[in-house]
Amino acid sequence: MTKAHILGIGGAHIDRRGQTLNAHVPAVSNPGIMREEVGGGVFNALRSAVQRDISASLLSIRGGDAAGEAVAAEAARTGISDLSATYLDRSTPSYTALLDDHGDLITGLADMSLYDLAFPGQVGRRKTRDAISAAIAILIDANIPLPGLQRLLPLCVGKPVFAIAVSPAKVMRLAHNLADLDCLFMNQREAAVLCNGEADSDDRMIGMLRDAGLSSGAISRGSSPLLCFEPAGAYTMTPPPLQEVADVTGAGDALAGTTTAALLRGEPLHKALREGMAAARLAIKTISAVPDLNPAAFERALGAIPPAVQLI
């Protein structure tokens, strides 16, 4: 059977994560460990999706440096077709996160000006149109600047488009195009930004997002119940407690990629998100941004995820 093929357009860069060995103390030197690996919202999500029997292509932007070579090598290693553009005189974008000793984010720094510079031109090329035509669905992230999104989304008409919010600062790039998305994956802070901080309840948040044109969405809230809505209703899903938290980086991307894979198999969002939450659970337990979704580990994680509960 031919695998469903998804095109990912967005971030594929270098992630650097420093973690303190002890409780973080502001404004002083904190002993810690620095790790570096290939990351990026869309690329992380694609690497989870391909582990769930999906084939994928990547269209991103990188520089002509060792970091760019590392991104290309990782795409080849994971079997993702790499359609990215390389700017030889530029540096590959990067994201640097500082985590505390519990793995929670203290602050992050995104050096991604190349995306802002180059994406608008790249998404209008014939190569992009051909890649969109060849895919059954499109997965994007908000690393694409607004001019790029405005050129890209009209090309995707007729294809399901799933999106990753990336951050509270970047999600507003999607605010005027929510009606063009089939599902948006976001966290509580990103959803609050889209609602202008005015949503004082789950019902109001869902209502405001729907009024803005978004038909389906998933709102992760850490250890609190995940909230999702689709045309048929709204649901919550309570994550089981975790005794081990190695690193929260990439958990949302794993949720998005794995849920998207289940959606392409025909699952409704509230059922697909059980698989996404299982992948996110595995991501949190590892220092890597992309979890190992081998069948045995994945089935164990999935067995711990309760069914979604419909909101009245």
C-alpha atoms as a PDB file:
ATOM      1  CA  MET A   1       0.000   0.000   0.000  1.00  0.00           C
ATOM      2  CA  THR A   2       1.308   3.457  -0.895  1.00  0.00           C
ATOM      3  CA  LYS A   3       1.993   5.653   2.107  1.00  0.00           C
ATOM      4  CA  ALA A   4       0.205   8.975   2.459  1.00  0.00           C
ATOM      5  CA  HIS A   5       2.645  11.742   1.544  1.00  0.00           C
ATOM      6  CA  ILE A   6       2.818  15.039   3.430  1.00  0.00           C
ATOM      7  CA  LEU A   7       4.784  18.169   2.567  1.00  0.00           C
ATOM      8  CA  GLY A   8       6.258  20.100   5.481  1.00  0.00           C
ATOM      9  CA  ILE A   9       7.109  23.777   4.961  1.00  0.00           C
ATOM     10  CA  GLY A  10       8.807  25.711   7.740  1.00  0.00           C
ATOM     11  CA  GLY A  11      11.582  25.451  10.268  1.00  0.00           C
ATOM     12  CA  ALA A  12      14.504  23.018   9.938  1.00  0.00           C
ATOM     13  CA  HIS A  13      17.520  24.321  11.778  1.00  0.00           C
ATOM     14  CA  ILE A  14      19.852  23.785  14.716  1.00  0.00           C
ATOM     15  CA  ASP A  15      18.486  23.554  18.257  1.00  0.00           C
ATOM     16  CA  ARG A  16      20.825  24.260  21.155  1.00  0.00           C
ATOM     17  CA  ARG A  17      19.581  23.456  24.643  1.00  0.00           C
ATOM     18  CA  GLY A  18      21.409  24.370  27.805  1.00  0.00           C
ATOM     19  CA  GLN A  19      20.148  22.892  31.065  1.00  0.00           C
ATOM     20  CA  THR A  20      21.174  23.888  34.556  1.00  0.00           C
ATOM     21  CA  LEU A  21      22.344  21.121  36.860  1.00  0.00           C
ATOM     22  CA  ASN A  22      20.765  22.783  39.880  1.00  0.00           C
ATOM     23  CA  ALA A  23      17.887  25.173  40.494  1.00  0.00           C
ATOM     24  CA  HIS A  24      18.249  28.159  38.169  1.00  0.00           C
ATOM     25  CA  VAL A  25      19.527  31.351  39.767  1.00  0.00           C
ATOM     26  CA  PRO A  26      18.930  34.482  37.612  1.00  0.00           C
ATOM     27  CA  ALA A  27      21.742  36.876  36.682  1.00  0.00           C
ATOM     28  CA  VAL A  28      24.584  34.560  37.771  1.00  0.00           C
ATOM     29  CA  SER A  29      26.602  31.770  36.161  1.00  0.00           C
ATOM     30  CA  ASN A  30      24.760  28.451  36.473  1.00  0.00           C
ATOM     31  CA  PRO A  31      26.594  25.124  36.047  1.00  0.00           C
ATOM     32  CA  GLY A  32      24.966  23.118  33.292  1.00  0.00           C
ATOM     33  CA  ILE A  33      25.135  21.066  30.110  1.00  0.00           C
ATOM     34  CA  MET A  34      24.760  22.280  26.509  1.00  0.00           C
ATOM     35  CA  ARG A  35      23.388  19.959  23.816  1.00  0.00           C
ATOM     36  CA  GLU A  36      22.979  20.553  20.098  1.00  0.00           C
ATOM     37  CA  GLU A  37      20.859  18.734  17.520  1.00  0.00           C
ATOM     38  CA  VAL A  38      18.842  19.329  14.383  1.00  0.00           C
ATOM     39  CA  GLY A  39      15.397  20.743  15.132  1.00  0.00           C
ATOM     40  CA  GLY A  40      12.701  23.093  13.882  1.00  0.00           C
ATOM     41  CA  GLY A  41       8.943  22.827  14.368  1.00  0.00           C
ATOM     42  CA  VAL A  42       7.997  21.328  11.010  1.00  0.00           C
ATOM     43  CA  PHE A  43      11.105  19.150  10.777  1.00  0.00           C
ATOM     44  CA  ASN A  44      10.584  17.753  14.279  1.00  0.00           C
ATOM     45  CA  ALA A  45       6.948  17.022  13.464  1.00  0.00           C
ATOM     46  CA  LEU A  46       7.814  15.332  10.158  1.00  0.00           C
ATOM     47  CA  ARG A  47      10.364  13.098  11.875  1.00  0.00           C
ATOM     48  CA  SER A  48       7.637  11.884  14.220  1.00  0.00           C
ATOM     49  CA  ALA A  49       5.118  11.482  11.385  1.00  0.00           C
ATOM     50  CA  VAL A  50       7.400   9.276   9.277  1.00  0.00           C
ATOM     51  CA  GLN A  51       7.735   6.924  12.234  1.00  0.00           C
ATOM     52  CA  ARG A  52       3.961   6.467  12.031  1.00  0.00           C
ATOM     53  CA  ASP A  53       4.004   5.166   8.445  1.00  0.00           C
ATOM     54  CA  ILE A  54       3.790   8.492   6.596  1.00  0.00           C
ATOM     55  CA  SER A  55       6.146   9.590   3.821  1.00  0.00           C
ATOM     56  CA  ALA A  56       7.272  13.200   3.844  1.00  0.00           C
ATOM     57  CA  SER A  57       9.042  15.993   2.001  1.00  0.00           C
ATOM     58  CA  LEU A  58      10.613  19.055   3.590  1.00  0.00           C
ATOM     59  CA  LEU A  59      10.841  22.543   2.150  1.00  0.00           C
ATOM     60  CA  SER A  60      12.880  24.865   4.341  1.00  0.00           C
ATOM     61  CA  ILE A  61      15.695  27.443   4.145  1.00  0.00           C
ATOM     62  CA  ARG A  62      19.271  26.999   5.349  1.00  0.00           C
ATOM     63  CA  GLY A  63      22.734  28.469   5.036  1.00  0.00           C
ATOM     64  CA  GLY A  64      25.856  27.116   3.390  1.00  0.00           C
ATOM     65  CA  ASP A  65      27.515  26.064   6.631  1.00  0.00           C
ATOM     66  CA  ALA A  66      28.104  22.988   8.782  1.00  0.00           C
ATOM     67  CA  ALA A  67      24.748  23.468  10.466  1.00  0.00           C
ATOM     68  CA  GLY A  68      23.019  23.367   7.087  1.00  0.00           C
ATOM     69  CA  GLU A  69      24.897  20.199   6.202  1.00  0.00           C
ATOM     70  CA  ALA A  70      23.723  18.652   9.476  1.00  0.00           C
ATOM     71  CA  VAL A  71      20.091  19.433   8.589  1.00  0.00           C
ATOM     72  CA  ALA A  72      20.508  17.857   5.138  1.00  0.00           C
ATOM     73  CA  ALA A  73      22.149  14.767   6.640  1.00  0.00           C
ATOM     74  CA  GLU A  74      19.314  14.326   9.130  1.00  0.00           C
ATOM     75  CA  ALA A  75      16.696  14.546   6.377  1.00  0.00           C
ATOM     76  CA  ALA A  76      18.554  11.850   4.441  1.00  0.00           C
ATOM     77  CA  ARG A  77      18.914   9.658   7.552  1.00  0.00           C
ATOM     78  CA  THR A  78      15.189   9.781   8.317  1.00  0.00           C
ATOM     79  CA  GLY A  79      14.053   9.224   4.723  1.00  0.00           C
ATOM     80  CA  ILE A  80      12.505  12.679   4.273  1.00  0.00           C
ATOM     81  CA  SER A  81      12.813  14.104   0.762  1.00  0.00           C
ATOM     82  CA  ASP A  82      14.692  17.385   1.092  1.00  0.00           C
ATOM     83  CA  LEU A  83      13.475  20.188  -1.188  1.00  0.00           C
ATOM     84  CA  SER A  84      15.062  22.993   0.850  1.00  0.00           C
ATOM     85  CA  ALA A  85      16.895  25.996  -0.553  1.00  0.00           C
ATOM     86  CA  THR A  86      20.495  26.711   0.484  1.00  0.00           C
ATOM     87  CA  TYR A  87      21.888  30.261   0.671  1.00  0.00           C
ATOM     88  CA  LEU A  88      25.635  29.745   0.558  1.00  0.00           C
ATOM     89  CA  ASP A  89      26.497  33.178   1.945  1.00  0.00           C
ATOM     90  CA  ARG A  90      24.168  32.909   4.959  1.00  0.00           C
ATOM     91  CA  SER A  91      24.143  31.135   8.309  1.00  0.00           C
ATOM     92  CA  THR A  92      21.577  28.434   9.045  1.00  0.00           C
ATOM     93  CA  PRO A  93      18.906  29.601  11.519  1.00  0.00           C
ATOM     94  CA  SER A  94      19.126  28.374  15.090  1.00  0.00           C
ATOM     95  CA  TYR A  95      17.136  28.213  18.303  1.00  0.00           C
ATOM     96  CA  THR A  96      18.822  28.278  21.696  1.00  0.00           C
ATOM     97  CA  ALA A  97      16.835  27.308  24.783  1.00  0.00           C
ATOM     98  CA  LEU A  98      17.808  27.529  28.442  1.00  0.00           C
ATOM     99  CA  LEU A  99      16.113  24.956  30.658  1.00  0.00           C
ATOM    100  CA  ASP A 100      16.075  24.584  34.414  1.00  0.00           C
ATOM    101  CA  ASP A 101      17.041  21.414  36.266  1.00  0.00           C
ATOM    102  CA  HIS A 102      13.479  20.070  35.869  1.00  0.00           C
ATOM    103  CA  GLY A 103      13.566  20.489  32.074  1.00  0.00           C
ATOM    104  CA  ASP A 104      11.225  23.486  31.985  1.00  0.00           C
ATOM    105  CA  LEU A 105      11.993  26.407  29.673  1.00  0.00           C
ATOM    106  CA  ILE A 106      13.559  29.497  31.267  1.00  0.00           C
ATOM    107  CA  THR A 107      14.060  31.432  28.044  1.00  0.00           C
ATOM    108  CA  GLY A 108      14.713  30.891  24.345  1.00  0.00           C
ATOM    109  CA  LEU A 109      16.535  32.822  21.625  1.00  0.00           C
ATOM    110  CA  ALA A 110      15.534  32.423  17.974  1.00  0.00           C
ATOM    111  CA  ASP A 111      18.104  33.531  15.362  1.00  0.00           C
ATOM    112  CA  MET A 112      15.941  33.088  12.282  1.00  0.00           C
ATOM    113  CA  SER A 113      16.247  36.174  10.104  1.00  0.00           C
ATOM    114  CA  LEU A 114      17.044  34.003   7.071  1.00  0.00           C
ATOM    115  CA  TYR A 115      13.511  32.596   7.175  1.00  0.00           C
ATOM    116  CA  ASP A 116      12.058  36.104   7.086  1.00  0.00           C
ATOM    117  CA  LEU A 117      14.327  37.049   4.218  1.00  0.00           C
ATOM    118  CA  ALA A 118      13.994  33.997   2.000  1.00  0.00           C
ATOM    119  CA  PHE A 119      10.670  32.212   2.545  1.00  0.00           C
ATOM    120  CA  PRO A 120       8.472  34.709   0.655  1.00  0.00           C
ATOM    121  CA  GLY A 121      10.459  34.184  -2.535  1.00  0.00           C
ATOM    122  CA  GLN A 122      10.876  30.423  -2.174  1.00  0.00           C
ATOM    123  CA  VAL A 123       7.211  29.586  -1.677  1.00  0.00           C
ATOM    124  CA  GLY A 124       6.331  31.197  -5.000  1.00  0.00           C
ATOM    125  CA  ARG A 125       8.680  29.014  -7.033  1.00  0.00           C
ATOM    126  CA  ARG A 126       7.546  26.253  -9.399  1.00  0.00           C
ATOM    127  CA  LYS A 127       9.278  23.689  -7.172  1.00  0.00           C
ATOM    128  CA  THR A 128       6.950  24.593  -4.323  1.00  0.00           C
ATOM    129  CA  ARG A 129       3.830  24.373  -6.484  1.00  0.00           C
ATOM    130  CA  ASP A 130       4.909  20.954  -7.758  1.00  0.00           C
ATOM    131  CA  ALA A 131       5.601  19.717  -4.225  1.00  0.00           C
ATOM    132  CA  ILE A 132       2.189  20.900  -3.033  1.00  0.00           C
ATOM    133  CA  SER A 133       0.535  19.131  -5.965  1.00  0.00           C
ATOM    134  CA  ALA A 134       2.311  15.861  -5.131  1.00  0.00           C
ATOM    135  CA  ALA A 135       1.307  15.870  -1.437  1.00  0.00           C
ATOM    136  CA  ILE A 136      -1.939  14.689   0.121  1.00  0.00           C
ATOM    137  CA  ALA A 137      -1.643  17.313   2.858  1.00  0.00           C
ATOM    138  CA  ILE A 138       0.512  20.256   3.919  1.00  0.00           C
ATOM    139  CA  LEU A 139       2.050  20.861   7.348  1.00  0.00           C
ATOM    140  CA  ILE A 140       3.370  24.345   8.038  1.00  0.00           C
ATOM    141  CA  ASP A 141       4.725  26.273  10.995  1.00  0.00           C
ATOM    142  CA  ALA A 142       4.760  29.930  11.943  1.00  0.00           C
ATOM    143  CA  ASN A 143       8.472  30.238  11.204  1.00  0.00           C
ATOM    144  CA  ILE A 144       7.187  31.290   7.761  1.00  0.00           C
ATOM    145  CA  PRO A 145       6.784  35.090   7.805  1.00  0.00           C
ATOM    146  CA  LEU A 146       3.435  36.665   6.982  1.00  0.00           C
ATOM    147  CA  PRO A 147       4.324  37.598   3.359  1.00  0.00           C
ATOM    148  CA  GLY A 148       5.337  33.986   2.778  1.00  0.00           C
ATOM    149  CA  LEU A 149       2.104  32.658   4.288  1.00  0.00           C
ATOM    150  CA  GLN A 150       0.074  35.029   2.136  1.00  0.00           C
ATOM    151  CA  ARG A 151       1.743  33.656  -0.985  1.00  0.00           C
ATOM    152  CA  LEU A 152       1.706  30.028   0.172  1.00  0.00           C
ATOM    153  CA  LEU A 153      -1.807  29.409   1.469  1.00  0.00           C
ATOM    154  CA  PRO A 154      -3.642  30.226  -1.796  1.00  0.00           C
ATOM    155  CA  LEU A 155      -1.473  27.570  -3.470  1.00  0.00           C
ATOM    156  CA  CYS A 156      -2.757  24.962  -0.987  1.00  0.00           C
ATOM    157  CA  VAL A 157      -6.457  25.336  -1.736  1.00  0.00           C
ATOM    158  CA  GLY A 158      -7.982  21.865  -2.005  1.00  0.00           C
ATOM    159  CA  LYS A 159      -5.368  20.280   0.288  1.00  0.00           C
ATOM    160  CA  PRO A 160      -5.687  19.863   4.067  1.00  0.00           C
ATOM    161  CA  VAL A 161      -3.368  22.338   5.785  1.00  0.00           C
ATOM    162  CA  PHE A 162      -2.194  21.686   9.343  1.00  0.00           C
ATOM    163  CA  ALA A 163      -0.176  24.282  11.244  1.00  0.00           C
ATOM    164  CA  ILE A 164       2.087  24.546  14.291  1.00  0.00           C
ATOM    165  CA  ALA A 165       1.913  27.834  16.210  1.00  0.00           C
ATOM    166  CA  VAL A 166       5.639  27.720  17.247  1.00  0.00           C
ATOM    167  CA  SER A 167       5.507  30.514  19.849  1.00  0.00           C
ATOM    168  CA  PRO A 168       3.302  33.314  21.246  1.00  0.00           C
ATOM    169  CA  ALA A 169       5.406  35.799  19.293  1.00  0.00           C
ATOM    170  CA  LYS A 170       4.970  34.045  15.943  1.00  0.00           C
ATOM    171  CA  VAL A 171       1.430  32.667  16.121  1.00  0.00           C
ATOM    172  CA  MET A 172      -0.035  36.055  15.174  1.00  0.00           C
ATOM    173  CA  ARG A 173       1.366  35.480  11.694  1.00  0.00           C
ATOM    174  CA  LEU A 174      -1.443  32.951  11.330  1.00  0.00           C
ATOM    175  CA  ALA A 175      -4.160  35.123  12.877  1.00  0.00           C
ATOM    176  CA  HIS A 176      -5.611  36.423   9.604  1.00  0.00           C
ATOM    177  CA  ASN A 177      -5.439  33.055   7.859  1.00  0.00           C
ATOM    178  CA  LEU A 178      -7.116  30.769  10.400  1.00  0.00           C
ATOM    179  CA  ALA A 179      -9.930  29.960   7.959  1.00  0.00           C
ATOM    180  CA  ASP A 180      -7.322  28.486   5.593  1.00  0.00           C
ATOM    181  CA  LEU A 181      -6.191  25.933   8.196  1.00  0.00           C
ATOM    182  CA  ASP A 182      -7.728  22.530   8.816  1.00  0.00           C
ATOM    183  CA  CYS A 183      -6.148  22.317  12.264  1.00  0.00           C
ATOM    184  CA  LEU A 184      -3.836  24.480  14.370  1.00  0.00           C
ATOM    185  CA  PHE A 185      -1.633  22.959  17.079  1.00  0.00           C
ATOM    186  CA  MET A 186      -0.897  25.450  19.852  1.00  0.00           C
ATOM    187  CA  ASN A 187      -0.326  25.761  23.583  1.00  0.00           C
ATOM    188  CA  GLN A 188      -2.321  27.769  26.085  1.00  0.00           C
ATOM    189  CA  ARG A 189      -0.206  30.920  25.762  1.00  0.00           C
ATOM    190  CA  GLU A 190      -0.382  30.848  21.954  1.00  0.00           C
ATOM    191  CA  ALA A 191      -4.149  30.370  22.031  1.00  0.00           C
ATOM    192  CA  ALA A 192      -4.475  33.244  24.496  1.00  0.00           C
ATOM    193  CA  VAL A 193      -2.559  35.538  22.129  1.00  0.00           C
ATOM    194  CA  LEU A 194      -4.946  34.662  19.287  1.00  0.00           C
ATOM    195  CA  CYS A 195      -7.827  35.545  21.619  1.00  0.00           C
ATOM    196  CA  ASN A 196      -6.192  38.865  22.596  1.00  0.00           C
ATOM    197  CA  GLY A 197      -6.049  37.686  26.195  1.00  0.00           C
ATOM    198  CA  GLU A 198      -9.840  37.953  26.451  1.00  0.00           C
ATOM    199  CA  ALA A 199     -10.746  34.257  26.816  1.00  0.00           C
ATOM    200  CA  ASP A 200     -11.668  33.698  30.457  1.00  0.00           C
ATOM    201  CA  SER A 201     -12.976  30.138  29.999  1.00  0.00           C
ATOM    202  CA  ASP A 202     -12.517  27.135  27.734  1.00  0.00           C
ATOM    203  CA  ASP A 203     -15.880  27.749  26.082  1.00  0.00           C
ATOM    204  CA  ARG A 204     -15.029  31.371  25.353  1.00  0.00           C
ATOM    205  CA  MET A 205     -11.601  30.469  23.984  1.00  0.00           C
ATOM    206  CA  ILE A 206     -13.080  27.893  21.632  1.00  0.00           C
ATOM    207  CA  GLY A 207     -15.821  30.289  20.613  1.00  0.00           C
ATOM    208  CA  MET A 208     -13.385  33.086  19.847  1.00  0.00           C
ATOM    209  CA  LEU A 209     -11.117  30.822  17.793  1.00  0.00           C
ATOM    210  CA  ARG A 210     -14.081  29.490  15.841  1.00  0.00           C
ATOM    211  CA  ASP A 211     -15.384  33.011  15.269  1.00  0.00           C
ATOM    212  CA  ALA A 212     -11.940  33.888  13.888  1.00  0.00           C
ATOM    213  CA  GLY A 213     -12.360  31.148  11.275  1.00  0.00           C
ATOM    214  CA  LEU A 214     -10.509  28.196  12.817  1.00  0.00           C
ATOM    215  CA  SER A 215     -12.541  25.010  12.323  1.00  0.00           C
ATOM    216  CA  SER A 216     -10.354  22.660  14.399  1.00  0.00           C
ATOM    217  CA  GLY A 217      -7.610  23.163  16.946  1.00  0.00           C
ATOM    218  CA  ALA A 218      -5.621  21.471  19.690  1.00  0.00           C
ATOM    219  CA  ILE A 219      -4.499  23.422  22.754  1.00  0.00           C
ATOM    220  CA  SER A 220      -1.908  21.695  24.928  1.00  0.00           C
ATOM    221  CA  ARG A 221      -1.618  22.858  28.523  1.00  0.00           C
ATOM    222  CA  GLY A 222       1.288  20.978  30.070  1.00  0.00           C
ATOM    223  CA  SER A 223       0.082  18.683  32.842  1.00  0.00           C
ATOM    224  CA  SER A 224      -3.427  20.177  32.668  1.00  0.00           C
ATOM    225  CA  PRO A 225      -6.064  18.673  30.353  1.00  0.00           C
ATOM    226  CA  LEU A 226      -5.506  19.214  26.638  1.00  0.00           C
ATOM    227  CA  LEU A 227      -8.369  21.034  24.947  1.00  0.00           C
ATOM    228  CA  CYS A 228      -9.454  20.370  21.381  1.00  0.00           C
ATOM    229  CA  PHE A 229     -12.317  21.282  19.127  1.00  0.00           C
ATOM    230  CA  GLU A 230     -13.535  20.186  15.710  1.00  0.00           C
ATOM    231  CA  PRO A 231     -16.782  20.758  13.799  1.00  0.00           C
ATOM    232  CA  ALA A 232     -18.485  17.868  15.627  1.00  0.00           C
ATOM    233  CA  GLY A 233     -17.704  19.127  19.141  1.00  0.00           C
ATOM    234  CA  ALA A 234     -15.134  20.048  21.763  1.00  0.00           C
ATOM    235  CA  TYR A 235     -13.190  17.712  24.020  1.00  0.00           C
ATOM    236  CA  THR A 236     -10.667  17.524  26.823  1.00  0.00           C
ATOM    237  CA  MET A 237      -8.011  14.885  27.379  1.00  0.00           C
ATOM    238  CA  THR A 238      -6.183  14.568  30.689  1.00  0.00           C
ATOM    239  CA  PRO A 239      -2.515  13.557  30.431  1.00  0.00           C
ATOM    240  CA  PRO A 240      -1.437  10.917  32.948  1.00  0.00           C
ATOM    241  CA  PRO A 241       1.129  12.087  35.517  1.00  0.00           C
ATOM    242  CA  LEU A 242       4.779  11.814  34.514  1.00  0.00           C
ATOM    243  CA  GLN A 243       7.411  10.845  37.050  1.00  0.00           C
ATOM    244  CA  GLU A 244      10.269  11.585  34.677  1.00  0.00           C
ATOM    245  CA  VAL A 245      10.738  14.856  32.758  1.00  0.00           C
ATOM    246  CA  ALA A 246      14.014  15.057  30.845  1.00  0.00           C
ATOM    247  CA  ASP A 247      13.260  17.929  28.447  1.00  0.00           C
ATOM    248  CA  VAL A 248       9.984  19.497  27.292  1.00  0.00           C
ATOM    249  CA  THR A 249      11.516  20.747  24.008  1.00  0.00           C
ATOM    250  CA  GLY A 250       9.839  19.152  20.995  1.00  0.00           C
ATOM    251  CA  ALA A 251       6.861  17.677  22.837  1.00  0.00           C
ATOM    252  CA  GLY A 252       4.407  19.920  20.990  1.00  0.00           C
ATOM    253  CA  ASP A 253       6.028  19.105  17.648  1.00  0.00           C
ATOM    254  CA  ALA A 254       5.805  15.366  18.375  1.00  0.00           C
ATOM    255  CA  LEU A 255       2.134  15.819  19.250  1.00  0.00           C
ATOM    256  CA  ALA A 256       1.497  17.714  16.001  1.00  0.00           C
ATOM    257  CA  GLY A 257       3.344  15.301  13.725  1.00  0.00           C
ATOM    258  CA  THR A 258       1.908  12.130  15.214  1.00  0.00           C
ATOM    259  CA  THR A 259      -1.615  13.531  15.370  1.00  0.00           C
ATOM    260  CA  THR A 260      -1.347  14.619  11.739  1.00  0.00           C
ATOM    261  CA  ALA A 261      -0.327  11.091  10.746  1.00  0.00           C
ATOM    262  CA  ALA A 262      -3.430   9.727  12.479  1.00  0.00           C
ATOM    263  CA  LEU A 263      -5.646  12.369  10.840  1.00  0.00           C
ATOM    264  CA  LEU A 264      -4.384  11.259   7.435  1.00  0.00           C
ATOM    265  CA  ARG A 265      -5.511   7.727   8.293  1.00  0.00           C
ATOM    266  CA  GLY A 266      -9.025   9.121   8.755  1.00  0.00           C
ATOM    267  CA  GLU A 267      -9.186   9.461  12.547  1.00  0.00           C
ATOM    268  CA  PRO A 268     -11.204  12.387  13.941  1.00  0.00           C
ATOM    269  CA  LEU A 269      -9.098  14.944  15.803  1.00  0.00           C
ATOM    270  CA  HIS A 270     -10.129  13.947  19.320  1.00  0.00           C
ATOM    271  CA  LYS A 271      -9.059  10.340  18.657  1.00  0.00           C
ATOM    272  CA  ALA A 272      -5.939  11.230  16.674  1.00  0.00           C
ATOM    273  CA  LEU A 273      -4.767  13.340  19.607  1.00  0.00           C
ATOM    274  CA  ARG A 274      -4.458  10.249  21.798  1.00  0.00           C
ATOM    275  CA  GLU A 275      -1.616   9.169  19.524  1.00  0.00           C
ATOM    276  CA  GLY A 276      -0.175  12.672  19.569  1.00  0.00           C
ATOM    277  CA  MET A 277      -0.246  12.794  23.343  1.00  0.00           C
ATOM    278  CA  ALA A 278       1.484   9.409  23.544  1.00  0.00           C
ATOM    279  CA  ALA A 279       4.292  10.725  21.312  1.00  0.00           C
ATOM    280  CA  ALA A 280       4.555  13.925  23.368  1.00  0.00           C
ATOM    281  CA  ARG A 281       4.800  11.816  26.515  1.00  0.00           C
ATOM    282  CA  LEU A 282       7.749   9.914  25.030  1.00  0.00           C
ATOM    283  CA  ALA A 283       9.359  13.183  23.897  1.00  0.00           C
ATOM    284  CA  ILE A 284       9.257  14.640  27.398  1.00  0.00           C
ATOM    285  CA  LYS A 285      11.042  11.581  28.764  1.00  0.00           C
ATOM    286  CA  THR A 286      14.033  11.950  26.442  1.00  0.00           C
ATOM    287  CA  ILE A 287      16.627  14.673  25.934  1.00  0.00           C
ATOM    288  CA  SER A 288      16.051  14.477  22.167  1.00  0.00           C
ATOM    289  CA  ALA A 289      13.464  16.758  20.554  1.00  0.00           C
ATOM    290  CA  VAL A 290      12.197  13.804  18.479  1.00  0.00           C
ATOM    291  CA  PRO A 291      11.154  10.684  20.408  1.00  0.00           C
ATOM    292  CA  ASP A 292      11.784   7.110  19.343  1.00  0.00           C
ATOM    293  CA  LEU A 293       8.320   5.878  18.387  1.00  0.00           C
ATOM    294  CA  ASN A 294       9.185   2.198  18.096  1.00  0.00           C
ATOM    295  CA  PRO A 295       5.975   0.141  18.152  1.00  0.00           C
ATOM    296  CA  ALA A 296       6.457  -1.402  21.604  1.00  0.00           C
ATOM    297  CA  ALA A 297       7.260   1.869  23.381  1.00  0.00           C
ATOM    298  CA  PHE A 298       4.535   3.722  21.501  1.00  0.00           C
ATOM    299  CA  GLU A 299       1.853   1.165  22.351  1.00  0.00           C
ATOM    300  CA  ARG A 300       2.814   1.305  26.028  1.00  0.00           C
ATOM    301  CA  ALA A 301       2.601   5.086  26.011  1.00  0.00           C
ATOM    302  CA  LEU A 302      -0.695   5.017  24.105  1.00  0.00           C
ATOM    303  CA  GLY A 303      -2.173   2.613  26.637  1.00  0.00           C
ATOM    304  CA  ALA A 304      -1.689   5.222  29.364  1.00  0.00           C
ATOM    305  CA  ILE A 305      -3.607   7.943  27.490  1.00  0.00           C
ATOM    306  CA  PRO A 306      -7.315   8.129  28.390  1.00  0.00           C
ATOM    307  CA  PRO A 307     -10.017   8.691  25.775  1.00  0.00           C
ATOM    308  CA  ALA A 308     -11.130  12.249  25.128  1.00  0.00           C
ATOM    309  CA  VAL A 309     -14.133  13.505  27.094  1.00  0.00           C
ATOM    310  CA  GLN A 310     -16.669  15.595  25.211  1.00  0.00           C
ATOM    311  CA  LEU A 311     -17.520  18.967  26.692  1.00  0.00           C
ATOM    312  CA  ILE A 312     -21.187  19.632  27.315  1.00  0.00           C
END
